[in-house]
Structure formats: structure tokens, C-alpha cells
PDB file of N, CA and C in Angstrom:
ATOM      1  N   MET A   1       1.164  -1.610   0.007  1.00  0.00           N
ATOM      2  CA  MET A   1       0.218  -0.112   0.226  1.00  0.00           C
ATOM      3  C   MET A   1       1.078   0.869  -0.477  1.00  0.00           C
ATOM      4  N   MET A   2       1.768   1.292   0.574  1.00  0.00           N
ATOM      5  CA  MET A   2       2.738   2.152   0.684  1.00  0.00           C
ATOM      6  C   MET A   2       3.335   2.909  -1.093  1.00  0.00           C
ATOM      7  N   GLU A   3       2.905   2.524  -2.187  1.00  0.00           N
ATOM      8  CA  GLU A   3       3.035   3.112  -2.690  1.00  0.00           C
ATOM      9  C   GLU A   3       1.053   4.087  -3.329  1.00  0.00           C
ATOM     10  N   LYS A   4       1.118   3.586  -3.099  1.00  0.00           N
ATOM     11  CA  LYS A   4      -0.225   4.738  -3.430  1.00  0.00           C
ATOM     12  C   LYS A   4      -0.924   5.646  -2.073  1.00  0.00           C
ATOM     13  N   GLU A   5       0.101   5.805  -1.409  1.00  0.00           N
ATOM     14  CA  GLU A   5       0.099   6.717  -0.322  1.00  0.00           C
ATOM     15  C   GLU A   5       0.007   7.983  -0.792  1.00  0.00           C
ATOM     16  N   TRP A   6       0.494   8.698  -2.110  1.00  0.00           N
ATOM     17  CA  TRP A   6       0.318   9.666  -3.022  1.00  0.00           C
ATOM     18  C   TRP A   6      -1.305  10.148  -2.928  1.00  0.00           C
ATOM     19  N   LEU A   7      -1.723   9.040  -3.053  1.00  0.00           N
ATOM     20  CA  LEU A   7      -3.521   9.061  -3.448  1.00  0.00           C
ATOM     21  C   LEU A   7      -3.634   9.318  -1.920  1.00  0.00           C
ATOM     22  N   LEU A   8      -3.642   9.496  -1.366  1.00  0.00           N
ATOM     23  CA  LEU A   8      -4.462  10.059   0.065  1.00  0.00           C
ATOM     24  C   LEU A   8      -4.641  10.896  -0.113  1.00  0.00           C
ATOM     25  N   ASN A   9      -3.446  12.558  -0.031  1.00  0.00           N
ATOM     26  CA  ASN A   9      -3.525  13.380  -0.377  1.00  0.00           C
ATOM     27  C   ASN A   9      -3.598  14.802  -1.118  1.00  0.00           C
ATOM     28  N   ASN A  10      -4.117  14.343  -1.646  1.00  0.00           N
ATOM     29  CA  ASN A  10      -3.860  14.679  -3.474  1.00  0.00           C
ATOM     30  C   ASN A  10      -5.525  15.054  -3.761  1.00  0.00           C
ATOM     31  N   PRO A  11      -5.865  16.866  -2.823  1.00  0.00           N
ATOM     32  CA  PRO A  11      -7.277  17.339  -3.512  1.00  0.00           C
ATOM     33  C   PRO A  11      -7.816  16.917  -4.640  1.00  0.00           C
ATOM     34  N   HIS A  12      -7.552  16.507  -6.072  1.00  0.00           N
ATOM     35  CA  HIS A  12      -7.830  16.745  -7.065  1.00  0.00           C
ATOM     36  C   HIS A  12      -8.346  14.760  -7.579  1.00  0.00           C
ATOM     37  N   LEU A  13      -8.227  13.832  -6.682  1.00  0.00           N
ATOM     38  CA  LEU A  13      -8.626  12.632  -6.564  1.00  0.00           C
ATOM     39  C   LEU A  13      -9.909  12.456  -5.831  1.00  0.00           C
ATOM     40  N   THR A  14     -11.273  11.618  -5.626  1.00  0.00           N
ATOM     41  CA  THR A  14     -12.361  11.987  -4.657  1.00  0.00           C
ATOM     42  C   THR A  14     -12.149  10.076  -5.141  1.00  0.00           C
ATOM     43  N   ALA A  15     -12.661   9.703  -3.525  1.00  0.00           N
ATOM     44  CA  ALA A  15     -13.251   7.941  -4.253  1.00  0.00           C
ATOM     45  C   ALA A  15     -14.648   8.264  -3.371  1.00  0.00           C
ATOM     46  N   GLU A  16     -15.004   7.012  -4.383  1.00  0.00           N
ATOM     47  CA  GLU A  16     -16.348   6.947  -4.163  1.00  0.00           C
ATOM     48  C   GLU A  16     -16.617   5.164  -4.193  1.00  0.00           C
ATOM     49  N   LYS A  17     -17.492   5.192  -3.427  1.00  0.00           N
ATOM     50  CA  LYS A  17     -17.808   3.779  -3.046  1.00  0.00           C
ATOM     51  C   LYS A  17     -18.848   3.214  -4.605  1.00  0.00           C
ATOM     52  N   MET A  18     -18.497   1.506  -5.001  1.00  0.00           N
ATOM     53  CA  MET A  18     -18.489   1.088  -5.902  1.00  0.00           C
ATOM     54  C   MET A  18     -19.874   0.549  -6.251  1.00  0.00           C
ATOM     55  N   SER A  19     -20.514   0.694  -6.823  1.00  0.00           N
ATOM     56  CA  SER A  19     -22.255   0.011  -6.978  1.00  0.00           C
ATOM     57  C   SER A  19     -21.929  -1.492  -7.347  1.00  0.00           C
ATOM     58  N   PRO A  20     -23.554  -1.877  -7.726  1.00  0.00           N
ATOM     59  CA  PRO A  20     -23.278  -2.824  -7.781  1.00  0.00           C
ATOM     60  C   PRO A  20     -23.079  -3.237  -9.718  1.00  0.00           C
ATOM     61  N   ILE A  21     -22.548  -3.973  -9.902  1.00  0.00           N
ATOM     62  CA  ILE A  21     -22.376  -4.326 -11.378  1.00  0.00           C
ATOM     63  C   ILE A  21     -23.856  -3.779 -12.164  1.00  0.00           C
ATOM     64  N   GLU A  22     -24.834  -3.882 -11.643  1.00  0.00           N
ATOM     65  CA  GLU A  22     -26.064  -3.819 -12.626  1.00  0.00           C
ATOM     66  C   GLU A  22     -26.477  -2.110 -12.825  1.00  0.00           C
ATOM     67  N   GLU A  23     -26.040  -1.675 -11.976  1.00  0.00           N
ATOM     68  CA  GLU A  23     -26.211  -0.289 -12.249  1.00  0.00           C
ATOM     69  C   GLU A  23     -25.432   0.300 -13.087  1.00  0.00           C
ATOM     70  N   ARG A  24     -24.182  -0.052 -13.104  1.00  0.00           N
ATOM     71  CA  ARG A  24     -22.888  -0.002 -13.826  1.00  0.00           C
ATOM     72  C   ARG A  24     -23.482  -0.082 -15.756  1.00  0.00           C
ATOM     73  N   ILE A  25     -23.605  -1.268 -15.639  1.00  0.00           N
ATOM     74  CA  ILE A  25     -24.029  -1.619 -17.513  1.00  0.00           C
ATOM     75  C   ILE A  25     -24.676  -0.815 -17.932  1.00  0.00           C
ATOM     76  N   PRO A  26     -24.958  -0.073 -18.462  1.00  0.00           N
ATOM     77  CA  PRO A  26     -25.888   0.066 -19.419  1.00  0.00           C
ATOM     78  C   PRO A  26     -27.535  -0.312 -20.037  1.00  0.00           C
ATOM     79  N   ALA A  27     -28.005   0.117 -20.898  1.00  0.00           N
ATOM     80  CA  ALA A  27     -29.435  -0.235 -19.799  1.00  0.00           C
ATOM     81  C   ALA A  27     -29.444  -1.176 -22.106  1.00  0.00           C
ATOM     82  N   ALA A  28     -28.488  -0.405 -22.669  1.00  0.00           N
ATOM     83  CA  ALA A  28     -28.481  -0.718 -24.408  1.00  0.00           C
ATOM     84  C   ALA A  28     -28.032  -2.595 -23.902  1.00  0.00           C
ATOM     85  N   ARG A  29     -27.221  -3.267 -23.599  1.00  0.00           N
ATOM     86  CA  ARG A  29     -26.946  -3.897 -23.208  1.00  0.00           C
ATOM     87  C   ARG A  29     -28.187  -5.083 -22.126  1.00  0.00           C
ATOM     88  N   ALA A  30     -29.072  -4.952 -22.256  1.00  0.00           N
ATOM     89  CA  ALA A  30     -30.038  -5.929 -21.963  1.00  0.00           C
ATOM     90  C   ALA A  30     -29.622  -8.074 -21.574  1.00  0.00           C
ATOM     91  N   GLU A  31     -28.968  -8.177 -22.774  1.00  0.00           N
ATOM     92  CA  GLU A  31     -28.891  -9.865 -22.669  1.00  0.00           C
ATOM     93  C   GLU A  31     -27.843 -10.109 -21.872  1.00  0.00           C
ATOM     94  N   VAL A  32     -27.028  -8.663 -20.532  1.00  0.00           N
ATOM     95  CA  VAL A  32     -25.874  -8.569 -20.369  1.00  0.00           C
ATOM     96  C   VAL A  32     -26.974  -8.789 -18.170  1.00  0.00           C
ATOM     97  N   HIS A  33     -27.789  -7.736 -18.794  1.00  0.00           N
ATOM     98  CA  HIS A  33     -29.092  -7.944 -17.022  1.00  0.00           C
ATOM     99  C   HIS A  33     -29.943  -8.605 -17.384  1.00  0.00           C
ATOM    100  N   GLU A  34     -30.422  -9.817 -18.564  1.00  0.00           N
ATOM    101  CA  GLU A  34     -30.859 -10.302 -18.420  1.00  0.00           C
ATOM    102  C   GLU A  34     -30.388 -11.795 -17.862  1.00  0.00           C
ATOM    103  N   GLY A  35     -28.867 -11.930 -18.353  1.00  0.00           N
ATOM    104  CA  GLY A  35     -28.098 -13.473 -17.410  1.00  0.00           C
ATOM    105  C   GLY A  35     -27.587 -13.304 -15.991  1.00  0.00           C
ATOM    106  N   LEU A  36     -27.844 -11.717 -15.752  1.00  0.00           N
ATOM    107  CA  LEU A  36     -27.310 -11.155 -13.648  1.00  0.00           C
ATOM    108  C   LEU A  36     -28.884 -11.393 -13.138  1.00  0.00           C
ATOM    109  N   SER A  37     -30.111 -10.853 -14.394  1.00  0.00           N
ATOM    110  CA  SER A  37     -31.300 -11.707 -13.680  1.00  0.00           C
ATOM    111  C   SER A  37     -30.607 -13.122 -13.192  1.00  0.00           C
ATOM    112  N   ARG A  38     -30.707 -13.879 -13.776  1.00  0.00           N
ATOM    113  CA  ARG A  38     -31.365 -15.308 -13.479  1.00  0.00           C
ATOM    114  C   ARG A  38     -29.564 -16.222 -12.968  1.00  0.00           C
ATOM    115  N   ALA A  39     -28.730 -15.472 -13.118  1.00  0.00           N
ATOM    116  CA  ALA A  39     -27.644 -16.208 -12.546  1.00  0.00           C
ATOM    117  C   ALA A  39     -27.808 -14.962 -10.731  1.00  0.00           C
ATOM    118  N   LYS A  40     -28.209 -14.032 -10.607  1.00  0.00           N
ATOM    119  CA  LYS A  40     -29.176 -14.367  -8.910  1.00  0.00           C
ATOM    120  C   LYS A  40     -30.354 -14.939  -8.473  1.00  0.00           C
ATOM    121  N   GLY A  41     -31.112 -15.684  -9.338  1.00  0.00           N
ATOM    122  CA  GLY A  41     -31.940 -16.590  -9.464  1.00  0.00           C
ATOM    123  C   GLY A  41     -31.286 -17.837  -9.166  1.00  0.00           C
ATOM    124  N   ILE A  42     -29.560 -17.964  -9.907  1.00  0.00           N
ATOM    125  CA  ILE A  42     -29.167 -19.567  -9.164  1.00  0.00           C
ATOM    126  C   ILE A  42     -28.663 -19.474  -7.934  1.00  0.00           C
ATOM    127  N   LEU A  43     -27.526 -18.136  -7.664  1.00  0.00           N
ATOM    128  CA  LEU A  43     -26.674 -18.196  -6.492  1.00  0.00           C
ATOM    129  C   LEU A  43     -27.781 -17.492  -5.528  1.00  0.00           C
ATOM    130  N   GLY A  44     -29.053 -17.256  -5.593  1.00  0.00           N
ATOM    131  CA  GLY A  44     -29.528 -16.416  -4.111  1.00  0.00           C
ATOM    132  C   GLY A  44     -29.326 -15.111  -4.473  1.00  0.00           C
ATOM    133  N   GLU A  45     -29.243 -14.187  -3.306  1.00  0.00           N
ATOM    134  CA  GLU A  45     -29.093 -12.661  -2.997  1.00  0.00           C
ATOM    135  C   GLU A  45     -27.049 -13.342  -2.687  1.00  0.00           C
ATOM    136  N   GLU A  46     -27.384 -13.764  -1.970  1.00  0.00           N
ATOM    137  CA  GLU A  46     -26.479 -12.771  -0.041  1.00  0.00           C
ATOM    138  C   GLU A  46     -25.602 -13.584  -1.419  1.00  0.00           C
ATOM    139  N   GLY A  47     -25.011 -14.738  -2.358  1.00  0.00           N
ATOM    140  CA  GLY A  47     -24.470 -15.224  -3.386  1.00  0.00           C
ATOM    141  C   GLY A  47     -23.460 -14.136  -4.714  1.00  0.00           C
ATOM    142  N   TYR A  48     -25.373 -14.010  -4.705  1.00  0.00           N
ATOM    143  CA  TYR A  48     -24.309 -12.792  -5.862  1.00  0.00           C
ATOM    144  C   TYR A  48     -24.043 -11.444  -5.588  1.00  0.00           C
ATOM    145  N   LYS A  49     -24.348 -10.685  -4.134  1.00  0.00           N
ATOM    146  CA  LYS A  49     -23.924 -10.070  -3.969  1.00  0.00           C
ATOM    147  C   LYS A  49     -22.699 -10.354  -3.458  1.00  0.00           C
ATOM    148  N   LYS A  50     -22.718 -11.422  -3.197  1.00  0.00           N
ATOM    149  CA  LYS A  50     -20.892 -11.127  -2.573  1.00  0.00           C
ATOM    150  C   LYS A  50     -19.919 -11.710  -3.688  1.00  0.00           C
ATOM    151  N   TYR A  51     -20.535 -12.336  -5.030  1.00  0.00           N
ATOM    152  CA  TYR A  51     -19.680 -12.605  -5.991  1.00  0.00           C
ATOM    153  C   TYR A  51     -19.699 -11.958  -6.698  1.00  0.00           C
ATOM    154  N   LEU A  52     -21.083 -11.660  -7.563  1.00  0.00           N
ATOM    155  CA  LEU A  52     -21.020 -10.586  -9.139  1.00  0.00           C
ATOM    156  C   LEU A  52     -21.294  -9.410  -8.373  1.00  0.00           C
ATOM    157  N   ALA A  53     -22.272  -8.532  -7.724  1.00  0.00           N
ATOM    158  CA  ALA A  53     -22.334  -7.135  -7.691  1.00  0.00           C
ATOM    159  C   ALA A  53     -20.833  -6.316  -7.315  1.00  0.00           C
ATOM    160  N   PRO A  54     -20.026  -7.063  -7.039  1.00  0.00           N
ATOM    161  CA  PRO A  54     -18.366  -6.482  -7.355  1.00  0.00           C
ATOM    162  C   PRO A  54     -18.050  -6.421  -8.339  1.00  0.00           C
ATOM    163  N   LEU A  55     -18.273  -7.041  -9.514  1.00  0.00           N
ATOM    164  CA  LEU A  55     -17.372  -7.273 -10.725  1.00  0.00           C
ATOM    165  C   LEU A  55     -17.014  -5.476 -11.253  1.00  0.00           C
ATOM    166  N   GLN A  56     -15.982  -6.192 -12.214  1.00  0.00           N
ATOM    167  CA  GLN A  56     -16.571  -4.516 -12.798  1.00  0.00           C
ATOM    168  C   GLN A  56     -16.539  -4.741 -14.027  1.00  0.00           C
ATOM    169  N   ASN A  57     -16.590  -5.716 -15.347  1.00  0.00           N
ATOM    170  CA  ASN A  57     -17.608  -6.420 -15.924  1.00  0.00           C
ATOM    171  C   ASN A  57     -17.907  -6.727 -16.472  1.00  0.00           C
ATOM    172  N   LEU A  58     -18.530  -7.501 -17.561  1.00  0.00           N
ATOM    173  CA  LEU A  58     -19.323  -8.375 -17.903  1.00  0.00           C
ATOM    174  C   LEU A  58     -19.382  -7.885 -19.796  1.00  0.00           C
ATOM    175  N   ALA A  59     -18.712  -8.848 -20.452  1.00  0.00           N
ATOM    176  CA  ALA A  59     -19.413  -8.983 -21.978  1.00  0.00           C
ATOM    177  C   ALA A  59     -18.790 -10.298 -22.294  1.00  0.00           C
ATOM    178  N   LYS A  60     -20.368 -10.657 -23.460  1.00  0.00           N
ATOM    179  CA  LYS A  60     -21.254 -11.368 -23.809  1.00  0.00           C
ATOM    180  C   LYS A  60     -20.487 -11.500 -25.802  1.00  0.00           C
ATOM    181  N   SER A  61     -20.036 -12.571 -25.735  1.00  0.00           N
ATOM    182  CA  SER A  61     -19.334 -12.788 -28.018  1.00  0.00           C
ATOM    183  C   SER A  61     -20.299 -14.210 -27.932  1.00  0.00           C
ATOM    184  N   GLY A  62     -21.207 -14.064 -28.507  1.00  0.00           N
ATOM    185  CA  GLY A  62     -21.343 -15.878 -29.448  1.00  0.00           C
ATOM    186  C   GLY A  62     -21.705 -16.504 -27.582  1.00  0.00           C
ATOM    187  N   THR A  63     -21.054 -17.115 -27.548  1.00  0.00           N
ATOM    188  CA  THR A  63     -20.836 -18.751 -26.211  1.00  0.00           C
ATOM    189  C   THR A  63     -19.218 -18.441 -24.877  1.00  0.00           C
ATOM    190  N   THR A  64     -19.157 -17.313 -26.303  1.00  0.00           N
ATOM    191  CA  THR A  64     -17.807 -17.363 -24.925  1.00  0.00           C
ATOM    192  C   THR A  64     -18.142 -15.497 -23.701  1.00  0.00           C
ATOM    193  N   LEU A  65     -18.172 -15.754 -22.415  1.00  0.00           N
ATOM    194  CA  LEU A  65     -18.407 -15.072 -21.601  1.00  0.00           C
ATOM    195  C   LEU A  65     -16.939 -14.270 -20.755  1.00  0.00           C
ATOM    196  N   LEU A  66     -16.476 -13.008 -20.762  1.00  0.00           N
ATOM    197  CA  LEU A  66     -15.616 -12.774 -20.803  1.00  0.00           C
ATOM    198  C   LEU A  66     -15.691 -11.275 -19.301  1.00  0.00           C
ATOM    199  N   VAL A  67     -15.948 -11.601 -18.075  1.00  0.00           N
ATOM    200  CA  VAL A  67     -15.569 -11.217 -16.272  1.00  0.00           C
ATOM    201  C   VAL A  67     -14.530 -11.105 -16.303  1.00  0.00           C
ATOM    202  N   THR A  68     -14.589 -10.151 -16.117  1.00  0.00           N
ATOM    203  CA  THR A  68     -13.824  -8.717 -15.499  1.00  0.00           C
ATOM    204  C   THR A  68     -13.918  -8.809 -13.569  1.00  0.00           C
ATOM    205  N   VAL A  69     -12.867  -8.380 -12.584  1.00  0.00           N
ATOM    206  CA  VAL A  69     -12.375  -8.456 -11.481  1.00  0.00           C
ATOM    207  C   VAL A  69     -11.156  -7.580 -11.478  1.00  0.00           C
ATOM    208  N   ARG A  70     -11.801  -7.034  -9.546  1.00  0.00           N
ATOM    209  CA  ARG A  70     -10.594  -6.455  -9.288  1.00  0.00           C
ATOM    210  C   ARG A  70      -9.028  -7.464  -9.045  1.00  0.00           C
ATOM    211  N   THR A  71      -9.852  -8.258  -8.501  1.00  0.00           N
ATOM    212  CA  THR A  71      -7.846  -8.968  -7.943  1.00  0.00           C
ATOM    213  C   THR A  71      -8.282 -10.285  -8.618  1.00  0.00           C
ATOM    214  N   ALA A  72      -6.689 -10.480  -8.580  1.00  0.00           N
ATOM    215  CA  ALA A  72      -6.800 -11.986  -8.277  1.00  0.00           C
ATOM    216  C   ALA A  72      -6.825 -13.676  -7.254  1.00  0.00           C
ATOM    217  N   ARG A  73      -7.693 -12.729  -6.081  1.00  0.00           N
ATOM    218  CA  ARG A  73      -8.587 -13.442  -4.886  1.00  0.00           C
ATOM    219  C   ARG A  73      -9.717 -13.245  -5.391  1.00  0.00           C
ATOM    220  N   GLU A  74     -10.131 -12.032  -6.164  1.00  0.00           N
ATOM    221  CA  GLU A  74     -11.624 -12.388  -6.300  1.00  0.00           C
ATOM    222  C   GLU A  74     -11.678 -13.204  -7.763  1.00  0.00           C
ATOM    223  N   ARG A  75     -10.719 -13.265  -8.852  1.00  0.00           N
ATOM    224  CA  ARG A  75     -11.240 -13.962  -9.466  1.00  0.00           C
ATOM    225  C   ARG A  75     -11.363 -15.443  -9.581  1.00  0.00           C
ATOM    226  N   THR A  76     -10.293 -16.071  -7.806  1.00  0.00           N
ATOM    227  CA  THR A  76      -9.645 -17.097  -7.465  1.00  0.00           C
ATOM    228  C   THR A  76     -11.467 -18.270  -7.250  1.00  0.00           C
ATOM    229  N   MET A  77     -11.897 -16.801  -6.560  1.00  0.00           N
ATOM    230  CA  MET A  77     -13.135 -17.102  -5.890  1.00  0.00           C
ATOM    231  C   MET A  77     -14.007 -17.569  -6.592  1.00  0.00           C
ATOM    232  N   LEU A  78     -14.246 -16.776  -7.706  1.00  0.00           N
ATOM    233  CA  LEU A  78     -15.635 -16.228  -8.993  1.00  0.00           C
ATOM    234  C   LEU A  78     -15.753 -18.002  -9.434  1.00  0.00           C
ATOM    235  N   VAL A  79     -14.218 -17.658  -9.923  1.00  0.00           N
ATOM    236  CA  VAL A  79     -13.662 -19.035 -10.528  1.00  0.00           C
ATOM    237  C   VAL A  79     -15.028 -20.579  -9.684  1.00  0.00           C
ATOM    238  N   LYS A  80     -14.326 -20.648  -8.409  1.00  0.00           N
ATOM    239  CA  LYS A  80     -14.568 -21.672  -7.743  1.00  0.00           C
ATOM    240  C   LYS A  80     -15.751 -21.976  -7.022  1.00  0.00           C
ATOM    241  N   GLU A  81     -16.850 -21.135  -6.925  1.00  0.00           N
ATOM    242  CA  GLU A  81     -17.630 -20.398  -6.925  1.00  0.00           C
ATOM    243  C   GLU A  81     -19.323 -20.486  -7.971  1.00  0.00           C
ATOM    244  N   CYS A  82     -19.107 -19.732  -8.737  1.00  0.00           N
ATOM    245  CA  CYS A  82     -19.646 -19.191  -9.279  1.00  0.00           C
ATOM    246  C   CYS A  82     -19.830 -20.042 -11.271  1.00  0.00           C
ATOM    247  N   LEU A  83     -19.020 -20.929 -11.297  1.00  0.00           N
ATOM    248  CA  LEU A  83     -18.421 -21.242 -12.471  1.00  0.00           C
ATOM    249  C   LEU A  83     -19.256 -21.557 -13.577  1.00  0.00           C
ATOM    250  N   PRO A  84     -20.252 -22.626 -12.882  1.00  0.00           N
ATOM    251  CA  PRO A  84     -21.396 -23.423 -13.480  1.00  0.00           C
ATOM    252  C   PRO A  84     -22.513 -22.446 -14.211  1.00  0.00           C
ATOM    253  N   ALA A  85     -23.152 -21.657 -12.767  1.00  0.00           N
ATOM    254  CA  ALA A  85     -23.377 -20.289 -12.617  1.00  0.00           C
ATOM    255  C   ALA A  85     -23.715 -19.244 -14.079  1.00  0.00           C
ATOM    256  N   LEU A  86     -22.764 -18.886 -14.005  1.00  0.00           N
ATOM    257  CA  LEU A  86     -22.281 -18.094 -14.621  1.00  0.00           C
ATOM    258  C   LEU A  86     -22.657 -18.566 -16.322  1.00  0.00           C
ATOM    259  N   LYS A  87     -22.657 -19.620 -16.303  1.00  0.00           N
ATOM    260  CA  LYS A  87     -22.223 -20.738 -18.168  1.00  0.00           C
ATOM    261  C   LYS A  87     -23.967 -20.556 -18.753  1.00  0.00           C
ATOM    262  N   GLU A  88     -24.955 -21.447 -17.492  1.00  0.00           N
ATOM    263  CA  GLU A  88     -26.450 -21.656 -17.144  1.00  0.00           C
ATOM    264  C   GLU A  88     -26.705 -20.611 -17.096  1.00  0.00           C
ATOM    265  N   ALA A  89     -26.742 -18.918 -16.615  1.00  0.00           N
ATOM    266  CA  ALA A  89     -26.749 -17.803 -16.718  1.00  0.00           C
ATOM    267  C   ALA A  89     -27.311 -17.483 -18.207  1.00  0.00           C
ATOM    268  N   PHE A  90     -26.065 -17.472 -18.892  1.00  0.00           N
ATOM    269  CA  PHE A  90     -25.405 -16.595 -20.000  1.00  0.00           C
ATOM    270  C   PHE A  90     -25.679 -16.941 -21.007  1.00  0.00           C
ATOM    271  N   GLY A  91     -25.572 -18.875 -20.679  1.00  0.00           N
ATOM    272  CA  GLY A  91     -25.822 -19.668 -22.396  1.00  0.00           C
ATOM    273  C   GLY A  91     -24.399 -19.748 -22.587  1.00  0.00           C
ATOM    274  N   ALA A  92     -22.826 -19.641 -21.851  1.00  0.00           N
ATOM    275  CA  ALA A  92     -21.882 -19.795 -22.322  1.00  0.00           C
ATOM    276  C   ALA A  92     -21.294 -20.502 -22.198  1.00  0.00           C
ATOM    277  N   ASN A  93     -20.278 -21.233 -22.877  1.00  0.00           N
ATOM    278  CA  ASN A  93     -19.639 -22.707 -23.041  1.00  0.00           C
ATOM    279  C   ASN A  93     -18.295 -22.557 -22.446  1.00  0.00           C
ATOM    280  N   VAL A  94     -17.205 -21.039 -22.719  1.00  0.00           N
ATOM    281  CA  VAL A  94     -16.846 -20.999 -22.196  1.00  0.00           C
ATOM    282  C   VAL A  94     -16.219 -19.418 -21.305  1.00  0.00           C
ATOM    283  N   VAL A  95     -16.432 -20.019 -20.042  1.00  0.00           N
ATOM    284  CA  VAL A  95     -16.310 -18.137 -19.619  1.00  0.00           C
ATOM    285  C   VAL A  95     -14.504 -18.186 -18.774  1.00  0.00           C
ATOM    286  N   LYS A  96     -14.182 -16.856 -19.271  1.00  0.00           N
ATOM    287  CA  LYS A  96     -12.781 -16.119 -19.195  1.00  0.00           C
ATOM    288  C   LYS A  96     -13.044 -14.754 -18.269  1.00  0.00           C
ATOM    289  N   VAL A  97     -12.337 -15.328 -16.799  1.00  0.00           N
ATOM    290  CA  VAL A  97     -12.224 -14.340 -15.592  1.00  0.00           C
ATOM    291  C   VAL A  97     -10.885 -14.078 -15.771  1.00  0.00           C
ATOM    292  N   VAL A  98     -10.796 -12.528 -16.278  1.00  0.00           N
ATOM    293  CA  VAL A  98      -9.710 -11.740 -15.355  1.00  0.00           C
ATOM    294  C   VAL A  98      -9.659 -11.045 -14.621  1.00  0.00           C
ATOM    295  N   ALA A  99      -8.086 -11.049 -14.223  1.00  0.00           N
ATOM    296  CA  ALA A  99      -7.968 -10.178 -13.082  1.00  0.00           C
ATOM    297  C   ALA A  99      -7.373  -8.938 -13.777  1.00  0.00           C
ATOM    298  N   VAL A 100      -7.963  -7.427 -13.233  1.00  0.00           N
ATOM    299  CA  VAL A 100      -7.247  -6.090 -14.021  1.00  0.00           C
ATOM    300  C   VAL A 100      -6.832  -5.450 -12.579  1.00  0.00           C
TER     301      VAL A 100
END
């Protein structure tokens, strides 16, 4: 965390609480919203809030789903706990999870 100390006293930066992914995905991406809704039904409210709400982004192309998360830990937990649910909810054959 030492390398990010300069962020603490920078008057030009502000911190905001991260909103759930369904609020950040544009309404025009209805397929993603529908998939998230199905995933919420599969995982339940608690699982959804824990694993899917904090996602950075979701993108689907054909039968491939690309999921972007913040950390390697989130990636590991998502793959371990949610991979079958994501495949079912989004109708994907391949789910790629990337930590940025």
C-alpha cells in the first residue's frame, strides 16, 4: 500500500463507493442484465451480492463470456463458486475471468 500513499493527500481525487454491476452496465446491454438476473436466481441474493455485484465488467460474444474482476483473489473465488452458474445464466460454453 506504500506506493499508493500519494493518493491519500491528492486534492484532485475523490473516492466513491463502488456501485453494484447492474447499476453500471448500460440499459442497452439487455442480454447482460438478463443474464445477471438469471444468475441472481441461481446463486441466491447473498451469493449474488458476494460474488457478482462487485464485478468490474461483463461482456458476451457468441458463447464466450468475459468477466473482469479487481483482484486475483476475486477471480479465484468466482471461478471456484460461480462458474457453473455463470455458464447456465448466460448460456456460455466458455467463461474467461480476468483480474485487472
